[in-house]
Amino acid sequence: MKMNESQSFFNDIYDTVKLIPEGKVATYGQIAALVGRPRHARQVGYALAALNEEHDVPWHRVINSKGEVSARAHPDYEEYQRVLLEDEGIEFGLHGKVSLKHHQWNV
């Protein structure tokens, strides 16, 4: 992928994540599929990790396909993401998982 191709892909990801309603979550793979790049879930994670502090992308609404908050380089971000989701009414089960059946964004 060339640089402006990569930038365009990241922008498509950001635009799609902005559509996730409050109180819902999407998976990395779901976002990749929605932007026309199935099997590129990892790149969705890279795009979200590349966000600067002055963005309006609700990155915290994207979780992994197991319904879990994915590990980050900075360990406090996992707890921070969980708090943001809980503030929106997302419930975590005993094993730290979100019920995708109940909380996943259905496009």
N, C-alpha and C. Protein backbone atom coordinates (compact mmCIF):
# COMPACT_ATOMS: atom_id res chain seq x y z
N MET A 1 0.84 -1.17 0.00
CA MET A 1 0.00 0.00 0.00
C MET A 1 0.89 1.24 0.00
N LYS A 2 0.63 2.17 -0.91
CA LYS A 2 1.39 3.42 -0.98
C LYS A 2 0.93 4.35 0.13
N MET A 3 1.72 5.40 0.37
CA MET A 3 1.44 6.30 1.48
C MET A 3 0.04 6.93 1.37
N ASN A 4 -0.34 7.53 0.23
CA ASN A 4 -1.66 8.14 0.19
C ASN A 4 -2.76 7.08 0.14
N GLU A 5 -2.45 5.88 -0.32
CA GLU A 5 -3.40 4.78 -0.24
C GLU A 5 -3.64 4.43 1.22
N SER A 6 -2.55 4.39 1.98
CA SER A 6 -2.63 4.10 3.40
C SER A 6 -3.40 5.19 4.14
N GLN A 7 -3.13 6.45 3.82
CA GLN A 7 -3.84 7.56 4.44
C GLN A 7 -5.33 7.49 4.13
N SER A 8 -5.66 7.18 2.89
CA SER A 8 -7.05 7.06 2.48
C SER A 8 -7.74 5.92 3.24
N PHE A 9 -7.04 4.79 3.38
CA PHE A 9 -7.56 3.65 4.12
C PHE A 9 -7.81 4.04 5.57
N PHE A 10 -6.85 4.70 6.20
CA PHE A 10 -7.01 5.15 7.58
C PHE A 10 -8.20 6.11 7.69
N ASN A 11 -8.34 7.05 6.76
CA ASN A 11 -9.46 7.99 6.79
C ASN A 11 -10.80 7.27 6.64
N ASP A 12 -10.83 6.24 5.79
CA ASP A 12 -12.05 5.44 5.65
C ASP A 12 -12.39 4.76 6.98
N ILE A 13 -11.38 4.26 7.65
CA ILE A 13 -11.58 3.64 8.97
C ILE A 13 -12.14 4.66 9.95
N TYR A 14 -11.51 5.83 10.02
CA TYR A 14 -11.96 6.86 10.96
C TYR A 14 -13.41 7.27 10.67
N ASP A 15 -13.73 7.46 9.39
CA ASP A 15 -15.10 7.85 9.03
C ASP A 15 -16.11 6.79 9.44
N THR A 16 -15.74 5.53 9.31
CA THR A 16 -16.64 4.43 9.67
C THR A 16 -16.79 4.32 11.17
N VAL A 17 -15.70 4.44 11.90
CA VAL A 17 -15.76 4.36 13.37
C VAL A 17 -16.62 5.49 13.93
N LYS A 18 -16.60 6.65 13.30
CA LYS A 18 -17.42 7.78 13.75
C LYS A 18 -18.92 7.47 13.66
N LEU A 19 -19.28 6.49 12.86
CA LEU A 19 -20.69 6.12 12.68
C LEU A 19 -21.22 5.18 13.78
N ILE A 20 -20.32 4.59 14.54
CA ILE A 20 -20.75 3.66 15.60
C ILE A 20 -21.51 4.46 16.65
N PRO A 21 -22.77 4.11 16.89
CA PRO A 21 -23.54 4.88 17.87
C PRO A 21 -23.06 4.68 19.31
N GLU A 22 -23.29 5.66 20.12
CA GLU A 22 -22.99 5.55 21.54
C GLU A 22 -23.74 4.35 22.10
N GLY A 23 -23.07 3.57 22.93
CA GLY A 23 -23.69 2.41 23.53
C GLY A 23 -23.58 1.15 22.69
N LYS A 24 -22.85 1.24 21.58
CA LYS A 24 -22.63 0.09 20.71
C LYS A 24 -21.14 -0.08 20.49
N VAL A 25 -20.75 -1.29 20.09
CA VAL A 25 -19.35 -1.57 19.75
C VAL A 25 -19.30 -2.24 18.39
N ALA A 26 -18.14 -2.19 17.78
CA ALA A 26 -17.86 -2.90 16.54
C ALA A 26 -16.54 -3.62 16.73
N THR A 27 -16.30 -4.64 15.93
CA THR A 27 -15.03 -5.34 16.01
C THR A 27 -14.08 -4.78 14.95
N TYR A 28 -12.80 -5.03 15.17
CA TYR A 28 -11.79 -4.59 14.20
C TYR A 28 -12.10 -5.19 12.83
N GLY A 29 -12.44 -6.46 12.80
CA GLY A 29 -12.76 -7.13 11.55
C GLY A 29 -14.00 -6.56 10.89
N GLN A 30 -14.99 -6.20 11.69
CA GLN A 30 -16.21 -5.61 11.16
C GLN A 30 -15.90 -4.28 10.46
N ILE A 31 -15.07 -3.46 11.09
CA ILE A 31 -14.70 -2.17 10.48
C ILE A 31 -13.92 -2.42 9.19
N ALA A 32 -12.99 -3.36 9.22
CA ALA A 32 -12.21 -3.67 8.01
C ALA A 32 -13.14 -4.08 6.87
N ALA A 33 -14.11 -4.92 7.15
CA ALA A 33 -15.05 -5.36 6.12
C ALA A 33 -15.89 -4.19 5.60
N LEU A 34 -16.31 -3.33 6.50
CA LEU A 34 -17.15 -2.19 6.10
C LEU A 34 -16.41 -1.21 5.19
N VAL A 35 -15.11 -1.12 5.33
CA VAL A 35 -14.34 -0.21 4.47
C VAL A 35 -13.81 -0.93 3.22
N GLY A 36 -14.28 -2.16 3.04
CA GLY A 36 -13.91 -2.89 1.83
C GLY A 36 -12.58 -3.61 1.88
N ARG A 37 -12.06 -3.83 3.07
CA ARG A 37 -10.78 -4.52 3.25
C ARG A 37 -10.92 -5.66 4.24
N PRO A 38 -11.76 -6.67 3.92
CA PRO A 38 -11.87 -7.79 4.86
C PRO A 38 -10.50 -8.42 5.10
N ARG A 39 -10.33 -9.00 6.24
CA ARG A 39 -9.07 -9.63 6.66
C ARG A 39 -7.96 -8.60 6.93
N HIS A 40 -8.33 -7.37 7.17
CA HIS A 40 -7.36 -6.32 7.51
C HIS A 40 -7.64 -5.73 8.90
N ALA A 41 -8.14 -6.58 9.79
CA ALA A 41 -8.48 -6.12 11.14
C ALA A 41 -7.27 -5.51 11.86
N ARG A 42 -6.12 -6.11 11.67
CA ARG A 42 -4.93 -5.61 12.35
C ARG A 42 -4.61 -4.17 11.92
N GLN A 43 -4.82 -3.88 10.64
CA GLN A 43 -4.56 -2.53 10.14
C GLN A 43 -5.55 -1.53 10.73
N VAL A 44 -6.76 -1.98 11.02
CA VAL A 44 -7.71 -1.11 11.71
C VAL A 44 -7.14 -0.73 13.08
N GLY A 45 -6.57 -1.70 13.76
CA GLY A 45 -5.93 -1.42 15.04
C GLY A 45 -4.79 -0.44 14.91
N TYR A 46 -3.98 -0.60 13.87
CA TYR A 46 -2.87 0.33 13.63
C TYR A 46 -3.40 1.75 13.39
N ALA A 47 -4.47 1.84 12.61
CA ALA A 47 -5.05 3.16 12.31
C ALA A 47 -5.54 3.83 13.58
N LEU A 48 -6.23 3.08 14.43
CA LEU A 48 -6.75 3.66 15.67
C LEU A 48 -5.62 4.03 16.63
N ALA A 49 -4.56 3.24 16.64
CA ALA A 49 -3.41 3.54 17.50
C ALA A 49 -2.67 4.79 17.02
N ALA A 50 -2.82 5.11 15.73
CA ALA A 50 -2.11 6.26 15.16
C ALA A 50 -2.83 7.59 15.40
N LEU A 51 -4.00 7.55 15.99
CA LEU A 51 -4.74 8.79 16.24
C LEU A 51 -3.98 9.70 17.19
N ASN A 52 -4.05 11.00 16.90
CA ASN A 52 -3.43 11.95 17.82
C ASN A 52 -4.44 12.35 18.89
N GLU A 53 -4.02 13.16 19.80
CA GLU A 53 -4.88 13.52 20.94
C GLU A 53 -6.06 14.42 20.55
N GLU A 54 -5.98 15.07 19.40
CA GLU A 54 -7.00 16.06 19.01
C GLU A 54 -7.96 15.51 17.98
N HIS A 55 -8.43 14.30 18.15
CA HIS A 55 -9.33 13.69 17.18
C HIS A 55 -10.73 13.58 17.76
N ASP A 56 -11.69 13.28 16.88
CA ASP A 56 -13.07 13.09 17.33
C ASP A 56 -13.57 11.69 16.97
N VAL A 57 -12.66 10.76 16.89
CA VAL A 57 -12.98 9.37 16.53
C VAL A 57 -13.22 8.57 17.82
N PRO A 58 -14.39 7.95 17.96
CA PRO A 58 -14.67 7.18 19.18
C PRO A 58 -14.00 5.80 19.13
N TRP A 59 -12.69 5.80 19.14
CA TRP A 59 -11.86 4.59 19.02
C TRP A 59 -12.23 3.54 20.06
N HIS A 60 -12.70 3.99 21.21
CA HIS A 60 -13.00 3.07 22.32
C HIS A 60 -14.15 2.13 22.00
N ARG A 61 -14.92 2.41 20.97
CA ARG A 61 -16.05 1.55 20.59
C ARG A 61 -15.64 0.38 19.71
N VAL A 62 -14.35 0.23 19.45
CA VAL A 62 -13.86 -0.88 18.63
C VAL A 62 -13.13 -1.87 19.54
N ILE A 63 -13.60 -3.11 19.52
CA ILE A 63 -13.04 -4.17 20.35
C ILE A 63 -12.73 -5.39 19.49
N ASN A 64 -12.15 -6.40 20.08
CA ASN A 64 -11.80 -7.57 19.27
C ASN A 64 -12.98 -8.52 19.10
N SER A 65 -12.80 -9.50 18.25
CA SER A 65 -13.90 -10.41 17.89
C SER A 65 -14.33 -11.33 19.03
N LYS A 66 -13.56 -11.37 20.10
CA LYS A 66 -13.93 -12.16 21.28
C LYS A 66 -14.79 -11.33 22.25
N GLY A 67 -14.99 -10.06 21.91
CA GLY A 67 -15.75 -9.18 22.80
C GLY A 67 -14.89 -8.57 23.88
N GLU A 68 -13.59 -8.57 23.66
CA GLU A 68 -12.66 -8.06 24.67
C GLU A 68 -12.00 -6.76 24.22
N VAL A 69 -11.57 -6.00 25.19
CA VAL A 69 -10.71 -4.85 24.93
C VAL A 69 -9.33 -5.41 24.62
N SER A 70 -8.76 -5.03 23.52
CA SER A 70 -7.44 -5.55 23.13
C SER A 70 -6.34 -4.87 23.92
N ALA A 71 -5.27 -5.62 24.13
CA ALA A 71 -4.11 -5.09 24.84
C ALA A 71 -3.49 -3.94 24.06
N ARG A 72 -2.98 -2.98 24.77
CA ARG A 72 -2.33 -1.82 24.18
C ARG A 72 -0.88 -1.75 24.67
N ALA A 73 -0.10 -0.95 24.00
CA ALA A 73 1.28 -0.74 24.43
C ALA A 73 1.30 -0.09 25.82
N HIS A 74 0.38 0.81 26.06
CA HIS A 74 0.26 1.48 27.35
C HIS A 74 -0.84 0.78 28.15
N PRO A 75 -0.50 0.08 29.21
CA PRO A 75 -1.48 -0.76 29.93
C PRO A 75 -2.68 0.00 30.48
N ASP A 76 -2.53 1.25 30.86
CA ASP A 76 -3.66 2.01 31.41
C ASP A 76 -4.77 2.24 30.39
N TYR A 77 -4.44 2.17 29.09
CA TYR A 77 -5.45 2.42 28.06
C TYR A 77 -6.52 1.35 28.04
N GLU A 78 -6.20 0.13 28.42
CA GLU A 78 -7.20 -0.94 28.45
C GLU A 78 -8.29 -0.60 29.47
N GLU A 79 -7.87 -0.20 30.65
CA GLU A 79 -8.83 0.19 31.69
C GLU A 79 -9.58 1.45 31.28
N TYR A 80 -8.87 2.40 30.68
CA TYR A 80 -9.49 3.64 30.21
C TYR A 80 -10.58 3.34 29.19
N GLN A 81 -10.30 2.44 28.25
CA GLN A 81 -11.28 2.07 27.23
C GLN A 81 -12.49 1.42 27.90
N ARG A 82 -12.24 0.56 28.83
CA ARG A 82 -13.34 -0.12 29.52
C ARG A 82 -14.23 0.91 30.24
N VAL A 83 -13.63 1.87 30.92
CA VAL A 83 -14.40 2.91 31.62
C VAL A 83 -15.23 3.71 30.63
N LEU A 84 -14.64 4.08 29.49
CA LEU A 84 -15.40 4.83 28.48
C LEU A 84 -16.60 4.03 27.99
N LEU A 85 -16.41 2.75 27.76
CA LEU A 85 -17.51 1.90 27.30
C LEU A 85 -18.58 1.74 28.38
N GLU A 86 -18.15 1.53 29.60
CA GLU A 86 -19.12 1.40 30.70
C GLU A 86 -19.92 2.69 30.88
N ASP A 87 -19.27 3.83 30.68
CA ASP A 87 -19.98 5.12 30.77
C ASP A 87 -21.07 5.24 29.71
N GLU A 88 -20.94 4.48 28.63
CA GLU A 88 -21.95 4.49 27.56
C GLU A 88 -22.98 3.38 27.73
N GLY A 89 -22.90 2.65 28.84
CA GLY A 89 -23.87 1.60 29.10
C GLY A 89 -23.47 0.21 28.63
N ILE A 90 -22.25 0.06 28.14
CA ILE A 90 -21.75 -1.25 27.73
C ILE A 90 -21.41 -2.04 28.98
N GLU A 91 -21.92 -3.26 29.06
CA GLU A 91 -21.67 -4.10 30.23
C GLU A 91 -20.63 -5.16 29.89
N PHE A 92 -19.77 -5.41 30.85
CA PHE A 92 -18.75 -6.45 30.74
C PHE A 92 -19.15 -7.62 31.63
N GLY A 93 -19.00 -8.82 31.10
CA GLY A 93 -19.30 -10.01 31.88
C GLY A 93 -18.19 -10.31 32.88
N LEU A 94 -18.36 -11.39 33.60
CA LEU A 94 -17.40 -11.78 34.63
C LEU A 94 -15.99 -12.00 34.08
N HIS A 95 -15.88 -12.41 32.85
CA HIS A 95 -14.57 -12.68 32.26
C HIS A 95 -14.05 -11.49 31.45
N GLY A 96 -14.63 -10.31 31.65
CA GLY A 96 -14.15 -9.11 30.99
C GLY A 96 -14.55 -8.99 29.54
N LYS A 97 -15.63 -9.68 29.16
CA LYS A 97 -16.07 -9.66 27.77
C LYS A 97 -17.40 -8.93 27.62
N VAL A 98 -17.55 -8.29 26.47
CA VAL A 98 -18.79 -7.63 26.09
C VAL A 98 -19.61 -8.63 25.30
N SER A 99 -20.89 -8.70 25.54
CA SER A 99 -21.77 -9.56 24.75
C SER A 99 -21.99 -8.89 23.39
N LEU A 100 -21.36 -9.45 22.36
CA LEU A 100 -21.55 -8.89 21.02
C LEU A 100 -22.99 -9.06 20.57
N LYS A 101 -23.65 -10.09 21.05
CA LYS A 101 -25.05 -10.32 20.70
C LYS A 101 -25.91 -9.12 21.11
N HIS A 102 -25.58 -8.53 22.25
CA HIS A 102 -26.37 -7.42 22.79
C HIS A 102 -25.83 -6.04 22.43
N HIS A 103 -24.54 -5.92 22.26
CA HIS A 103 -23.95 -4.58 22.13
C HIS A 103 -23.31 -4.28 20.77
N GLN A 104 -23.24 -5.28 19.88
CA GLN A 104 -22.57 -5.02 18.61
C GLN A 104 -23.44 -4.16 17.70
N TRP A 105 -22.79 -3.23 17.05
CA TRP A 105 -23.44 -2.34 16.09
C TRP A 105 -23.85 -3.15 14.88
N ASN A 106 -25.13 -3.11 14.56
CA ASN A 106 -25.64 -3.79 13.38
C ASN A 106 -25.88 -2.75 12.30
N VAL A 107 -25.07 -2.82 11.29
CA VAL A 107 -25.14 -1.84 10.20
C VAL A 107 -26.28 -2.17 9.28
